[in-house]
Amino acid sequence: MWQEKNNCLYKKFVFKNFSEAFSFMTRVAFEAEKMDHHPKWSNVWNVVEIELSTHSAGNVVTEKDKQLAEKIDLLLLKTS
């Protein structure tokens, strides 16, 4: 579940290995590019952490962030 904290939506994803984590990040990157809305994220081995906020709105959570979060969750469902 996404958490709203520090003016962003945050979620941590844990995968079986680095390949699965990186594959997920690649799919997220394509969706983010389509929306022209790019996440702040980090990856260490099998863990991906994502923070979403809208820079042009003053680094707060907007509907655009919620839409991208929803798309990210759908990508995860498709690969499970």
C-alpha atoms as a PDB file:
ATOM      1  CA  MET A   1       0.000   0.000   0.000  1.00  0.00           C
ATOM      2  CA  TRP A   2       1.240   3.472  -0.855  1.00  0.00           C
ATOM      3  CA  GLN A   3       1.917   5.744   2.112  1.00  0.00           C
ATOM      4  CA  GLU A   4       1.703   9.503   1.974  1.00  0.00           C
ATOM      5  CA  LYS A   5       4.623  10.979   3.896  1.00  0.00           C
ATOM      6  CA  ASN A   6       6.961  13.939   3.531  1.00  0.00           C
ATOM      7  CA  ASN A   7       4.835  15.360   0.697  1.00  0.00           C
ATOM      8  CA  CYS A   8       5.177  12.258  -1.459  1.00  0.00           C
ATOM      9  CA  LEU A   9       3.650   8.856  -2.096  1.00  0.00           C
ATOM     10  CA  TYR A  10       6.032   6.120  -0.952  1.00  0.00           C
ATOM     11  CA  LYS A  11       6.110   2.382  -1.500  1.00  0.00           C
ATOM     12  CA  LYS A  12       8.724  -0.326  -1.031  1.00  0.00           C
ATOM     13  CA  PHE A  13       8.755  -3.328  -3.372  1.00  0.00           C
ATOM     14  CA  VAL A  14      10.665  -6.540  -2.637  1.00  0.00           C
ATOM     15  CA  PHE A  15      11.426  -9.061  -5.389  1.00  0.00           C
ATOM     16  CA  LYS A  16      13.053 -12.498  -5.550  1.00  0.00           C
ATOM     17  CA  ASN A  17      16.273 -11.149  -7.056  1.00  0.00           C
ATOM     18  CA  PHE A  18      17.954  -8.237  -8.816  1.00  0.00           C
ATOM     19  CA  SER A  19      16.758  -9.287 -12.267  1.00  0.00           C
ATOM     20  CA  GLU A  20      13.107  -9.134 -11.200  1.00  0.00           C
ATOM     21  CA  ALA A  21      13.636  -5.780  -9.508  1.00  0.00           C
ATOM     22  CA  PHE A  22      15.379  -4.316 -12.533  1.00  0.00           C
ATOM     23  CA  SER A  23      12.739  -5.686 -14.904  1.00  0.00           C
ATOM     24  CA  PHE A  24      10.047  -4.026 -12.799  1.00  0.00           C
ATOM     25  CA  MET A  25      11.949  -0.732 -12.858  1.00  0.00           C
ATOM     26  CA  THR A  26      12.188  -0.916 -16.637  1.00  0.00           C
ATOM     27  CA  ARG A  27       8.421  -1.381 -16.985  1.00  0.00           C
ATOM     28  CA  VAL A  28       7.814   1.500 -14.573  1.00  0.00           C
ATOM     29  CA  ALA A  29      10.211   3.674 -16.576  1.00  0.00           C
ATOM     30  CA  PHE A  30       8.191   3.143 -19.765  1.00  0.00           C
ATOM     31  CA  GLU A  31       4.932   4.096 -18.018  1.00  0.00           C
ATOM     32  CA  ALA A  32       6.526   7.120 -16.354  1.00  0.00           C
ATOM     33  CA  GLU A  33       7.932   8.299 -19.678  1.00  0.00           C
ATOM     34  CA  LYS A  34       4.499   8.024 -21.331  1.00  0.00           C
ATOM     35  CA  MET A  35       3.096  10.242 -18.586  1.00  0.00           C
ATOM     36  CA  ASP A  36       6.135  12.557 -18.597  1.00  0.00           C
ATOM     37  CA  HIS A  37       6.135  12.045 -14.835  1.00  0.00           C
ATOM     38  CA  HIS A  38       9.264  10.503 -13.366  1.00  0.00           C
ATOM     39  CA  PRO A  39       9.690   8.922  -9.944  1.00  0.00           C
ATOM     40  CA  LYS A  40      12.413   9.359  -7.413  1.00  0.00           C
ATOM     41  CA  TRP A  41      13.568   5.835  -6.699  1.00  0.00           C
ATOM     42  CA  SER A  42      16.330   3.640  -5.441  1.00  0.00           C
ATOM     43  CA  ASN A  43      17.314   0.036  -5.966  1.00  0.00           C
ATOM     44  CA  VAL A  44      19.520  -2.196  -3.859  1.00  0.00           C
ATOM     45  CA  TRP A  45      19.631  -5.790  -5.039  1.00  0.00           C
ATOM     46  CA  ASN A  46      16.003  -7.017  -4.807  1.00  0.00           C
ATOM     47  CA  VAL A  47      14.454  -3.911  -3.212  1.00  0.00           C
ATOM     48  CA  VAL A  48      12.979  -0.969  -5.111  1.00  0.00           C
ATOM     49  CA  GLU A  49      11.756   2.090  -3.215  1.00  0.00           C
ATOM     50  CA  ILE A  50       9.675   4.687  -5.043  1.00  0.00           C
ATOM     51  CA  GLU A  51       8.677   8.211  -4.059  1.00  0.00           C
ATOM     52  CA  LEU A  52       6.198  10.168  -6.152  1.00  0.00           C
ATOM     53  CA  SER A  53       5.557  13.900  -6.000  1.00  0.00           C
ATOM     54  CA  THR A  54       4.923  16.603  -8.569  1.00  0.00           C
ATOM     55  CA  HIS A  55       7.845  18.996  -8.814  1.00  0.00           C
ATOM     56  CA  SER A  56       5.959  21.563 -10.908  1.00  0.00           C
ATOM     57  CA  ALA A  57       3.293  21.784  -8.164  1.00  0.00           C
ATOM     58  CA  GLY A  58       5.836  22.497  -5.441  1.00  0.00           C
ATOM     59  CA  ASN A  59       6.859  18.924  -4.606  1.00  0.00           C
ATOM     60  CA  VAL A  60       3.486  17.809  -3.289  1.00  0.00           C
ATOM     61  CA  VAL A  61       1.256  14.846  -4.102  1.00  0.00           C
ATOM     62  CA  THR A  62      -1.122  15.500  -6.989  1.00  0.00           C
ATOM     63  CA  GLU A  63      -3.564  13.470  -9.028  1.00  0.00           C
ATOM     64  CA  LYS A  64      -0.733  12.741 -11.467  1.00  0.00           C
ATOM     65  CA  ASP A  65       1.178  10.945  -8.699  1.00  0.00           C
ATOM     66  CA  LYS A  66      -1.872   8.922  -7.761  1.00  0.00           C
ATOM     67  CA  GLN A  67      -2.372   7.918 -11.400  1.00  0.00           C
ATOM     68  CA  LEU A  68       1.235   6.786 -11.740  1.00  0.00           C
ATOM     69  CA  ALA A  69       1.023   4.873  -8.445  1.00  0.00           C
ATOM     70  CA  GLU A  70      -2.037   3.070  -9.771  1.00  0.00           C
ATOM     71  CA  LYS A  71      -0.232   2.173 -13.005  1.00  0.00           C
ATOM     72  CA  ILE A  72       2.755   0.901 -11.023  1.00  0.00           C
ATOM     73  CA  ASP A  73       0.493  -1.327  -8.943  1.00  0.00           C
ATOM     74  CA  LEU A  74      -1.106  -2.701 -12.119  1.00  0.00           C
ATOM     75  CA  LEU A  75       2.332  -3.523 -13.533  1.00  0.00           C
ATOM     76  CA  LEU A  76       3.098  -5.464 -10.389  1.00  0.00           C
ATOM     77  CA  LEU A  77      -0.159  -7.422 -10.654  1.00  0.00           C
ATOM     78  CA  LYS A  78       0.584  -8.363 -14.265  1.00  0.00           C
ATOM     79  CA  THR A  79       3.896  -9.924 -13.286  1.00  0.00           C
ATOM     80  CA  SER A  80       2.726 -11.785 -10.186  1.00  0.00           C
END
